[in-house]
Amino acid sequence: MRGFRALLVAFVAGLLPALYFWGWFKWPAFLAVGVGAMVGVVMLMVIASIGSNPASEETAWREAAPDLVRMPGAPGASERPEDPRRPDSEPGGPSESVEAP
């Protein structure tokens, strides 16, 4: 049923701009239908990207990339204290060289 509903939403989302361009702007029918078809395809891509269960998708993303996950309440990268033992924690960073006068 989800596939049928997605096709119905995409059809309606493509039909409305097609009718608008054909009726209001007096575009030729093939151009109006082409624009409507493009809008319908974009709507299908949006529906497909949303998925049926966002919570399971969020869990899968967190498991696949644990180093990119910031837990609520945890300090961000700019809020972390600098470690003097690490050379890349200097204020200028390892890529920036500071010349002495």
PDB file of N, CA and C in Angstrom:
ATOM      1  N   MET A   1       0.822  -1.191   0.000  1.00  0.00           N
ATOM      2  CA  MET A   1       0.000   0.000   0.000  1.00  0.00           C
ATOM      3  C   MET A   1       0.866   1.255   0.000  1.00  0.00           C
ATOM      4  N   ARG A   2       2.069   1.171   0.622  1.00  0.00           N
ATOM      5  CA  ARG A   2       2.930   2.336   0.685  1.00  0.00           C
ATOM      6  C   ARG A   2       3.382   2.767  -0.704  1.00  0.00           C
ATOM      7  N   GLY A   3       3.685   1.821  -1.579  1.00  0.00           N
ATOM      8  CA  GLY A   3       4.101   2.139  -2.941  1.00  0.00           C
ATOM      9  C   GLY A   3       2.997   2.803  -3.734  1.00  0.00           C
ATOM     10  N   PHE A   4       1.772   2.306  -3.577  1.00  0.00           N
ATOM     11  CA  PHE A   4       0.636   2.911  -4.276  1.00  0.00           C
ATOM     12  C   PHE A   4       0.401   4.335  -3.788  1.00  0.00           C
ATOM     13  N   ARG A   5       0.516   4.529  -2.487  1.00  0.00           N
ATOM     14  CA  ARG A   5       0.316   5.864  -1.916  1.00  0.00           C
ATOM     15  C   ARG A   5       1.400   6.826  -2.405  1.00  0.00           C
ATOM     16  N   ALA A   6       2.644   6.353  -2.512  1.00  0.00           N
ATOM     17  CA  ALA A   6       3.728   7.190  -3.001  1.00  0.00           C
ATOM     18  C   ALA A   6       3.495   7.584  -4.456  1.00  0.00           C
ATOM     19  N   LEU A   7       3.046   6.625  -5.270  1.00  0.00           N
ATOM     20  CA  LEU A   7       2.748   6.951  -6.668  1.00  0.00           C
ATOM     21  C   LEU A   7       1.599   7.943  -6.786  1.00  0.00           C
ATOM     22  N   LEU A   8       0.600   7.801  -5.938  1.00  0.00           N
ATOM     23  CA  LEU A   8      -0.533   8.717  -5.964  1.00  0.00           C
ATOM     24  C   LEU A   8      -0.099  10.134  -5.569  1.00  0.00           C
ATOM     25  N   VAL A   9       0.709  10.251  -4.540  1.00  0.00           N
ATOM     26  CA  VAL A   9       1.204  11.567  -4.119  1.00  0.00           C
ATOM     27  C   VAL A   9       2.071  12.181  -5.213  1.00  0.00           C
ATOM     28  N   ALA A  10       2.940  11.392  -5.831  1.00  0.00           N
ATOM     29  CA  ALA A  10       3.790  11.900  -6.901  1.00  0.00           C
ATOM     30  C   ALA A  10       2.960  12.320  -8.110  1.00  0.00           C
ATOM     31  N   PHE A  11       1.910  11.560  -8.431  1.00  0.00           N
ATOM     32  CA  PHE A  11       1.056  11.906  -9.556  1.00  0.00           C
ATOM     33  C   PHE A  11       0.345  13.232  -9.317  1.00  0.00           C
ATOM     34  N   VAL A  12      -0.206  13.394  -8.137  1.00  0.00           N
ATOM     35  CA  VAL A  12      -0.903  14.642  -7.813  1.00  0.00           C
ATOM     36  C   VAL A  12       0.090  15.807  -7.773  1.00  0.00           C
ATOM     37  N   ALA A  13       1.285  15.575  -7.200  1.00  0.00           N
ATOM     38  CA  ALA A  13       2.290  16.632  -7.125  1.00  0.00           C
ATOM     39  C   ALA A  13       2.789  17.024  -8.509  1.00  0.00           C
ATOM     40  N   GLY A  14       2.778  16.121  -9.462  1.00  0.00           N
ATOM     41  CA  GLY A  14       3.172  16.451 -10.829  1.00  0.00           C
ATOM     42  C   GLY A  14       2.030  17.020 -11.641  1.00  0.00           C
ATOM     43  N   LEU A  15       0.814  16.603 -11.352  1.00  0.00           N
ATOM     44  CA  LEU A  15      -0.349  17.067 -12.105  1.00  0.00           C
ATOM     45  C   LEU A  15      -0.648  18.547 -11.833  1.00  0.00           C
ATOM     46  N   LEU A  16      -0.508  18.956 -10.594  1.00  0.00           N
ATOM     47  CA  LEU A  16      -0.838  20.345 -10.243  1.00  0.00           C
ATOM     48  C   LEU A  16       0.045  21.365 -10.967  1.00  0.00           C
ATOM     49  N   PRO A  17       1.371  21.229 -10.966  1.00  0.00           N
ATOM     50  CA  PRO A  17       2.155  22.199 -11.744  1.00  0.00           C
ATOM     51  C   PRO A  17       1.917  22.095 -13.242  1.00  0.00           C
ATOM     52  N   ALA A  18       1.666  20.877 -13.733  1.00  0.00           N
ATOM     53  CA  ALA A  18       1.400  20.723 -15.165  1.00  0.00           C
ATOM     54  C   ALA A  18       0.132  21.478 -15.553  1.00  0.00           C
ATOM     55  N   LEU A  19      -0.912  21.340 -14.766  1.00  0.00           N
ATOM     56  CA  LEU A  19      -2.149  22.074 -15.063  1.00  0.00           C
ATOM     57  C   LEU A  19      -1.949  23.578 -14.922  1.00  0.00           C
ATOM     58  N   TYR A  20      -1.158  23.980 -13.943  1.00  0.00           N
ATOM     59  CA  TYR A  20      -0.902  25.402 -13.723  1.00  0.00           C
ATOM     60  C   TYR A  20      -0.160  26.008 -14.911  1.00  0.00           C
ATOM     61  N   PHE A  21       0.912  25.351 -15.353  1.00  0.00           N
ATOM     62  CA  PHE A  21       1.674  25.893 -16.476  1.00  0.00           C
ATOM     63  C   PHE A  21       0.872  25.844 -17.773  1.00  0.00           C
ATOM     64  N   TRP A  22       0.079  24.817 -17.973  1.00  0.00           N
ATOM     65  CA  TRP A  22      -0.713  24.697 -19.197  1.00  0.00           C
ATOM     66  C   TRP A  22      -1.883  25.686 -19.195  1.00  0.00           C
ATOM     67  N   GLY A  23      -2.554  25.805 -18.060  1.00  0.00           N
ATOM     68  CA  GLY A  23      -3.739  26.654 -18.019  1.00  0.00           C
ATOM     69  C   GLY A  23      -3.448  28.125 -17.806  1.00  0.00           C
ATOM     70  N   TRP A  24      -2.542  28.443 -16.919  1.00  0.00           N
ATOM     71  CA  TRP A  24      -2.315  29.843 -16.579  1.00  0.00           C
ATOM     72  C   TRP A  24      -1.290  30.504 -17.508  1.00  0.00           C
ATOM     73  N   PHE A  25      -0.164  29.837 -17.737  1.00  0.00           N
ATOM     74  CA  PHE A  25       0.881  30.412 -18.570  1.00  0.00           C
ATOM     75  C   PHE A  25       0.731  30.081 -20.043  1.00  0.00           C
ATOM     76  N   LYS A  26      -0.238  29.255 -20.379  1.00  0.00           N
ATOM     77  CA  LYS A  26      -0.513  28.850 -21.767  1.00  0.00           C
ATOM     78  C   LYS A  26       0.689  28.194 -22.434  1.00  0.00           C
ATOM     79  N   TRP A  27       1.418  27.360 -21.629  1.00  0.00           N
ATOM     80  CA  TRP A  27       2.516  26.609 -22.203  1.00  0.00           C
ATOM     81  C   TRP A  27       1.949  25.514 -23.090  1.00  0.00           C
ATOM     82  N   PRO A  28       2.749  25.047 -24.056  1.00  0.00           N
ATOM     83  CA  PRO A  28       2.311  23.866 -24.813  1.00  0.00           C
ATOM     84  C   PRO A  28       2.179  22.669 -23.864  1.00  0.00           C
ATOM     85  N   ALA A  29       1.252  21.787 -24.187  1.00  0.00           N
ATOM     86  CA  ALA A  29       0.939  20.673 -23.298  1.00  0.00           C
ATOM     87  C   ALA A  29       2.160  19.787 -23.029  1.00  0.00           C
ATOM     88  N   PHE A  30       3.005  19.552 -24.048  1.00  0.00           N
ATOM     89  CA  PHE A  30       4.146  18.653 -23.825  1.00  0.00           C
ATOM     90  C   PHE A  30       5.158  19.265 -22.849  1.00  0.00           C
ATOM     91  N   LEU A  31       5.317  20.586 -22.848  1.00  0.00           N
ATOM     92  CA  LEU A  31       6.220  21.215 -21.883  1.00  0.00           C
ATOM     93  C   LEU A  31       5.634  21.167 -20.471  1.00  0.00           C
ATOM     94  N   ALA A  32       4.341  21.430 -20.379  1.00  0.00           N
ATOM     95  CA  ALA A  32       3.695  21.397 -19.068  1.00  0.00           C
ATOM     96  C   ALA A  32       3.736  19.990 -18.479  1.00  0.00           C
ATOM     97  N   VAL A  33       3.492  18.981 -19.311  1.00  0.00           N
ATOM     98  CA  VAL A  33       3.549  17.595 -18.831  1.00  0.00           C
ATOM     99  C   VAL A  33       4.980  17.225 -18.458  1.00  0.00           C
ATOM    100  N   GLY A  34       5.964  17.727 -19.210  1.00  0.00           N
ATOM    101  CA  GLY A  34       7.369  17.457 -18.881  1.00  0.00           C
ATOM    102  C   GLY A  34       7.759  18.038 -17.530  1.00  0.00           C
ATOM    103  N   VAL A  35       7.328  19.272 -17.260  1.00  0.00           N
ATOM    104  CA  VAL A  35       7.616  19.882 -15.963  1.00  0.00           C
ATOM    105  C   VAL A  35       6.896  19.107 -14.863  1.00  0.00           C
ATOM    106  N   GLY A  36       5.647  18.743 -15.100  1.00  0.00           N
ATOM    107  CA  GLY A  36       4.909  17.966 -14.105  1.00  0.00           C
ATOM    108  C   GLY A  36       5.550  16.616 -13.836  1.00  0.00           C
ATOM    109  N   ALA A  37       6.074  15.973 -14.884  1.00  0.00           N
ATOM    110  CA  ALA A  37       6.740  14.683 -14.704  1.00  0.00           C
ATOM    111  C   ALA A  37       8.021  14.845 -13.881  1.00  0.00           C
ATOM    112  N   MET A  38       8.744  15.919 -14.132  1.00  0.00           N
ATOM    113  CA  MET A  38       9.960  16.152 -13.343  1.00  0.00           C
ATOM    114  C   MET A  38       9.623  16.394 -11.871  1.00  0.00           C
ATOM    115  N   VAL A  39       8.571  17.145 -11.610  1.00  0.00           N
ATOM    116  CA  VAL A  39       8.157  17.377 -10.226  1.00  0.00           C
ATOM    117  C   VAL A  39       7.723  16.058  -9.584  1.00  0.00           C
ATOM    118  N   GLY A  40       7.014  15.229 -10.334  1.00  0.00           N
ATOM    119  CA  GLY A  40       6.594  13.929  -9.811  1.00  0.00           C
ATOM    120  C   GLY A  40       7.768  13.022  -9.477  1.00  0.00           C
ATOM    121  N   VAL A  41       8.790  13.011 -10.323  1.00  0.00           N
ATOM    122  CA  VAL A  41       9.974  12.189 -10.066  1.00  0.00           C
ATOM    123  C   VAL A  41      10.715  12.693  -8.833  1.00  0.00           C
ATOM    124  N   VAL A  42      10.824  14.009  -8.698  1.00  0.00           N
ATOM    125  CA  VAL A  42      11.474  14.566  -7.506  1.00  0.00           C
ATOM    126  C   VAL A  42      10.681  14.179  -6.255  1.00  0.00           C
ATOM    127  N   MET A  43       9.363  14.226  -6.340  1.00  0.00           N
ATOM    128  CA  MET A  43       8.538  13.848  -5.193  1.00  0.00           C
ATOM    129  C   MET A  43       8.738  12.372  -4.847  1.00  0.00           C
ATOM    130  N   LEU A  44       8.871  11.515  -5.837  1.00  0.00           N
ATOM    131  CA  LEU A  44       9.129  10.093  -5.565  1.00  0.00           C
ATOM    132  C   LEU A  44      10.487   9.908  -4.885  1.00  0.00           C
ATOM    133  N   MET A  45      11.484  10.679  -5.303  1.00  0.00           N
ATOM    134  CA  MET A  45      12.802  10.569  -4.670  1.00  0.00           C
ATOM    135  C   MET A  45      12.744  11.036  -3.218  1.00  0.00           C
ATOM    136  N   VAL A  46      11.988  12.078  -2.954  1.00  0.00           N
ATOM    137  CA  VAL A  46      11.849  12.560  -1.577  1.00  0.00           C
ATOM    138  C   VAL A  46      11.145  11.507  -0.725  1.00  0.00           C
ATOM    139  N   ILE A  47      10.074  10.932  -1.245  1.00  0.00           N
ATOM    140  CA  ILE A  47       9.336   9.912  -0.499  1.00  0.00           C
ATOM    141  C   ILE A  47      10.223   8.693  -0.238  1.00  0.00           C
ATOM    142  N   ALA A  48      11.016   8.301  -1.228  1.00  0.00           N
ATOM    143  CA  ALA A  48      11.891   7.142  -1.060  1.00  0.00           C
ATOM    144  C   ALA A  48      13.000   7.418  -0.053  1.00  0.00           C
ATOM    145  N   SER A  49      13.463   8.674   0.019  1.00  0.00           N
ATOM    146  CA  SER A  49      14.556   8.980   0.943  1.00  0.00           C
ATOM    147  C   SER A  49      14.083   9.074   2.387  1.00  0.00           C
ATOM    148  N   ILE A  50      12.812   9.352   2.602  1.00  0.00           N
ATOM    149  CA  ILE A  50      12.299   9.478   3.965  1.00  0.00           C
ATOM    150  C   ILE A  50      12.272   8.105   4.637  1.00  0.00           C
ATOM    151  N   GLY A  51      11.834   7.100   3.952  1.00  0.00           N
ATOM    152  CA  GLY A  51      11.782   5.758   4.524  1.00  0.00           C
ATOM    153  C   GLY A  51      10.570   5.570   5.415  1.00  0.00           C
ATOM    154  N   SER A  52      10.400   4.350   5.877  1.00  0.00           N
ATOM    155  CA  SER A  52       9.209   4.035   6.664  1.00  0.00           C
ATOM    156  C   SER A  52       9.431   4.179   8.165  1.00  0.00           C
ATOM    157  N   ASN A  53      10.680   4.020   8.618  1.00  0.00           N
ATOM    158  CA  ASN A  53      10.947   4.079  10.045  1.00  0.00           C
ATOM    159  C   ASN A  53      12.187   4.931  10.304  1.00  0.00           C
ATOM    160  N   PRO A  54      12.029   6.225  10.532  1.00  0.00           N
ATOM    161  CA  PRO A  54      13.194   7.093  10.732  1.00  0.00           C
ATOM    162  C   PRO A  54      14.027   6.716  11.956  1.00  0.00           C
ATOM    163  N   ALA A  55      13.411   6.141  12.986  1.00  0.00           N
ATOM    164  CA  ALA A  55      14.162   5.774  14.194  1.00  0.00           C
ATOM    165  C   ALA A  55      15.173   4.675  13.893  1.00  0.00           C
ATOM    166  N   SER A  56      14.795   3.673  13.105  1.00  0.00           N
ATOM    167  CA  SER A  56      15.736   2.600  12.777  1.00  0.00           C
ATOM    168  C   SER A  56      16.837   3.112  11.853  1.00  0.00           C
ATOM    169  N   GLU A  57      16.510   4.049  10.976  1.00  0.00           N
ATOM    170  CA  GLU A  57      17.532   4.628  10.109  1.00  0.00           C
ATOM    171  C   GLU A  57      18.528   5.447  10.930  1.00  0.00           C
ATOM    172  N   GLU A  58      18.057   6.170  11.915  1.00  0.00           N
ATOM    173  CA  GLU A  58      18.932   6.946  12.786  1.00  0.00           C
ATOM    174  C   GLU A  58      19.853   6.022  13.583  1.00  0.00           C
ATOM    175  N   THR A  59      19.320   4.916  14.070  1.00  0.00           N
ATOM    176  CA  THR A  59      20.126   3.951  14.809  1.00  0.00           C
ATOM    177  C   THR A  59      21.197   3.336  13.909  1.00  0.00           C
ATOM    178  N   ALA A  60      20.838   2.989  12.686  1.00  0.00           N
ATOM    179  CA  ALA A  60      21.806   2.408  11.755  1.00  0.00           C
ATOM    180  C   ALA A  60      22.905   3.410  11.422  1.00  0.00           C
ATOM    181  N   TRP A  61      22.547   4.689  11.268  1.00  0.00           N
ATOM    182  CA  TRP A  61      23.546   5.705  10.981  1.00  0.00           C
ATOM    183  C   TRP A  61      24.503   5.859  12.159  1.00  0.00           C
ATOM    184  N   ARG A  62      23.973   5.873  13.369  1.00  0.00           N
ATOM    185  CA  ARG A  62      24.828   6.021  14.557  1.00  0.00           C
ATOM    186  C   ARG A  62      25.766   4.823  14.722  1.00  0.00           C
ATOM    187  N   GLU A  63      25.307   3.620  14.372  1.00  0.00           N
ATOM    188  CA  GLU A  63      26.163   2.444  14.473  1.00  0.00           C
ATOM    189  C   GLU A  63      27.227   2.436  13.377  1.00  0.00           C
ATOM    190  N   ALA A  64      26.909   2.954  12.208  1.00  0.00           N
ATOM    191  CA  ALA A  64      27.854   2.949  11.096  1.00  0.00           C
ATOM    192  C   ALA A  64      28.940   4.010  11.268  1.00  0.00           C
ATOM    193  N   ALA A  65      28.628   5.111  11.917  1.00  0.00           N
ATOM    194  CA  ALA A  65      29.594   6.202  12.072  1.00  0.00           C
ATOM    195  C   ALA A  65      29.618   6.699  13.510  1.00  0.00           C
ATOM    196  N   PRO A  66      30.128   5.901  14.432  1.00  0.00           N
ATOM    197  CA  PRO A  66      30.098   6.327  15.833  1.00  0.00           C
ATOM    198  C   PRO A  66      30.994   7.532  16.114  1.00  0.00           C
ATOM    199  N   ASP A  67      32.027   7.743  15.280  1.00  0.00           N
ATOM    200  CA  ASP A  67      32.906   8.881  15.520  1.00  0.00           C
ATOM    201  C   ASP A  67      32.269  10.208  15.131  1.00  0.00           C
ATOM    202  N   LEU A  68      31.178  10.172  14.375  1.00  0.00           N
ATOM    203  CA  LEU A  68      30.499  11.401  13.969  1.00  0.00           C
ATOM    204  C   LEU A  68      29.337  11.758  14.887  1.00  0.00           C
ATOM    205  N   VAL A  69      29.053  10.910  15.845  1.00  0.00           N
ATOM    206  CA  VAL A  69      27.902  11.116  16.718  1.00  0.00           C
ATOM    207  C   VAL A  69      28.327  11.959  17.916  1.00  0.00           C
ATOM    208  N   ARG A  70      27.591  13.002  18.191  1.00  0.00           N
ATOM    209  CA  ARG A  70      27.814  13.820  19.383  1.00  0.00           C
ATOM    210  C   ARG A  70      26.602  13.650  20.271  1.00  0.00           C
ATOM    211  N   MET A  71      26.819  13.098  21.429  1.00  0.00           N
ATOM    212  CA  MET A  71      25.725  12.865  22.357  1.00  0.00           C
ATOM    213  C   MET A  71      25.279  14.195  22.966  1.00  0.00           C
ATOM    214  N   PRO A  72      23.987  14.355  23.225  1.00  0.00           N
ATOM    215  CA  PRO A  72      23.514  15.590  23.842  1.00  0.00           C
ATOM    216  C   PRO A  72      24.169  15.813  25.202  1.00  0.00           C
ATOM    217  N   GLY A  73      24.628  17.009  25.433  1.00  0.00           N
ATOM    218  CA  GLY A  73      25.273  17.338  26.693  1.00  0.00           C
ATOM    219  C   GLY A  73      26.777  17.146  26.671  1.00  0.00           C
ATOM    220  N   ALA A  74      27.294  16.421  25.667  1.00  0.00           N
ATOM    221  CA  ALA A  74      28.734  16.220  25.566  1.00  0.00           C
ATOM    222  C   ALA A  74      29.359  17.463  24.944  1.00  0.00           C
ATOM    223  N   PRO A  75      30.597  17.808  25.327  1.00  0.00           N
ATOM    224  CA  PRO A  75      31.216  19.001  24.744  1.00  0.00           C
ATOM    225  C   PRO A  75      31.534  18.782  23.269  1.00  0.00           C
ATOM    226  N   GLY A  76      31.372  19.830  22.486  1.00  0.00           N
ATOM    227  CA  GLY A  76      31.696  19.764  21.070  1.00  0.00           C
ATOM    228  C   GLY A  76      33.197  19.861  20.861  1.00  0.00           C
ATOM    229  N   ALA A  77      33.633  19.811  19.613  1.00  0.00           N
ATOM    230  CA  ALA A  77      35.062  19.852  19.310  1.00  0.00           C
ATOM    231  C   ALA A  77      35.681  21.172  19.746  1.00  0.00           C
ATOM    232  N   SER A  78      34.961  22.267  19.613  1.00  0.00           N
ATOM    233  CA  SER A  78      35.516  23.564  20.003  1.00  0.00           C
ATOM    234  C   SER A  78      35.471  23.772  21.513  1.00  0.00           C
ATOM    235  N   GLU A  79      34.698  22.975  22.242  1.00  0.00           N
ATOM    236  CA  GLU A  79      34.554  23.139  23.678  1.00  0.00           C
ATOM    237  C   GLU A  79      35.485  22.221  24.472  1.00  0.00           C
ATOM    238  N   ARG A  80      36.158  21.295  23.803  1.00  0.00           N
ATOM    239  CA  ARG A  80      37.020  20.350  24.499  1.00  0.00           C
ATOM    240  C   ARG A  80      38.300  21.038  24.961  1.00  0.00           C
ATOM    241  N   PRO A  81      38.802  20.686  26.131  1.00  0.00           N
ATOM    242  CA  PRO A  81      40.067  21.266  26.570  1.00  0.00           C
ATOM    243  C   PRO A  81      41.208  20.733  25.722  1.00  0.00           C
ATOM    244  N   GLU A  82      42.207  21.574  25.510  1.00  0.00           N
ATOM    245  CA  GLU A  82      43.340  21.166  24.682  1.00  0.00           C
ATOM    246  C   GLU A  82      44.300  20.332  25.505  1.00  0.00           C
ATOM    247  N   ASP A  83      44.858  19.323  24.896  1.00  0.00           N
ATOM    248  CA  ASP A  83      45.808  18.429  25.548  1.00  0.00           C
ATOM    249  C   ASP A  83      47.218  18.894  25.194  1.00  0.00           C
ATOM    250  N   PRO A  84      48.000  19.318  26.176  1.00  0.00           N
ATOM    251  CA  PRO A  84      49.345  19.833  25.845  1.00  0.00           C
ATOM    252  C   PRO A  84      50.287  18.753  25.339  1.00  0.00           C
ATOM    253  N   ARG A  85      49.958  17.480  25.530  1.00  0.00           N
ATOM    254  CA  ARG A  85      50.840  16.401  25.076  1.00  0.00           C
ATOM    255  C   ARG A  85      50.701  16.134  23.591  1.00  0.00           C
ATOM    256  N   ARG A  86      49.571  16.538  23.005  1.00  0.00           N
ATOM    257  CA  ARG A  86      49.346  16.294  21.581  1.00  0.00           C
ATOM    258  C   ARG A  86      49.846  17.484  20.773  1.00  0.00           C
ATOM    259  N   PRO A  87      50.627  17.256  19.731  1.00  0.00           N
ATOM    260  CA  PRO A  87      51.152  18.385  18.950  1.00  0.00           C
ATOM    261  C   PRO A  87      50.064  19.101  18.148  1.00  0.00           C
ATOM    262  N   ASP A  88      48.969  18.406  17.811  1.00  0.00           N
ATOM    263  CA  ASP A  88      47.929  19.055  17.023  1.00  0.00           C
ATOM    264  C   ASP A  88      46.957  19.848  17.879  1.00  0.00           C
ATOM    265  N   SER A  89      47.169  19.910  19.194  1.00  0.00           N
ATOM    266  CA  SER A  89      46.262  20.665  20.044  1.00  0.00           C
ATOM    267  C   SER A  89      46.784  22.066  20.333  1.00  0.00           C
ATOM    268  N   GLU A  90      47.867  22.461  19.642  1.00  0.00           N
ATOM    269  CA  GLU A  90      48.401  23.802  19.827  1.00  0.00           C
ATOM    270  C   GLU A  90      47.436  24.817  19.228  1.00  0.00           C
ATOM    271  N   PRO A  91      47.477  26.051  19.695  1.00  0.00           N
ATOM    272  CA  PRO A  91      46.544  27.054  19.180  1.00  0.00           C
ATOM    273  C   PRO A  91      46.637  27.246  17.676  1.00  0.00           C
ATOM    274  N   GLY A  92      47.826  27.188  17.109  1.00  0.00           N
ATOM    275  CA  GLY A  92      47.971  27.362  15.672  1.00  0.00           C
ATOM    276  C   GLY A  92      47.674  26.102  14.904  1.00  0.00           C
ATOM    277  N   GLY A  93      47.665  24.954  15.559  1.00  0.00           N
ATOM    278  CA  GLY A  93      47.425  23.682  14.900  1.00  0.00           C
ATOM    279  C   GLY A  93      48.669  23.206  14.181  1.00  0.00           C
ATOM    280  N   PRO A  94      48.686  21.969  13.738  1.00  0.00           N
ATOM    281  CA  PRO A  94      49.879  21.429  13.095  1.00  0.00           C
ATOM    282  C   PRO A  94      50.093  21.985  11.694  1.00  0.00           C
ATOM    283  N   SER A  95      49.019  22.421  11.023  1.00  0.00           N
ATOM    284  CA  SER A  95      49.169  22.887   9.655  1.00  0.00           C
ATOM    285  C   SER A  95      49.604  24.338   9.581  1.00  0.00           C
ATOM    286  N   GLU A  96      49.372  25.085  10.629  1.00  0.00           N
ATOM    287  CA  GLU A  96      49.752  26.482  10.621  1.00  0.00           C
ATOM    288  C   GLU A  96      51.106  26.634  11.317  1.00  0.00           C
ATOM    289  N   SER A  97      52.028  27.259  10.644  1.00  0.00           N
ATOM    290  CA  SER A  97      53.332  27.466  11.253  1.00  0.00           C
ATOM    291  C   SER A  97      53.433  28.925  11.676  1.00  0.00           C
ATOM    292  N   VAL A  98      53.954  29.128  12.858  1.00  0.00           N
ATOM    293  CA  VAL A  98      54.132  30.467  13.379  1.00  0.00           C
ATOM    294  C   VAL A  98      55.616  30.770  13.347  1.00  0.00           C
ATOM    295  N   GLU A  99      55.988  31.816  12.624  1.00  0.00           N
ATOM    296  CA  GLU A  99      57.400  32.178  12.509  1.00  0.00           C
ATOM    297  C   GLU A  99      57.783  33.094  13.668  1.00  0.00           C
ATOM    298  N   ALA A 100      58.949  32.845  14.208  1.00  0.00           N
ATOM    299  CA  ALA A 100      59.456  33.680  15.302  1.00  0.00           C
ATOM    300  C   ALA A 100      60.020  34.968  14.709  1.00  0.00           C
ATOM    301  N   PRO A 101      59.858  36.091  15.404  1.00  0.00           N
ATOM    302  CA  PRO A 101      60.387  37.367  14.875  1.00  0.00           C
ATOM    303  C   PRO A 101      61.881  37.456  14.973  1.00  0.00           C
TER     304      PRO A 101
END
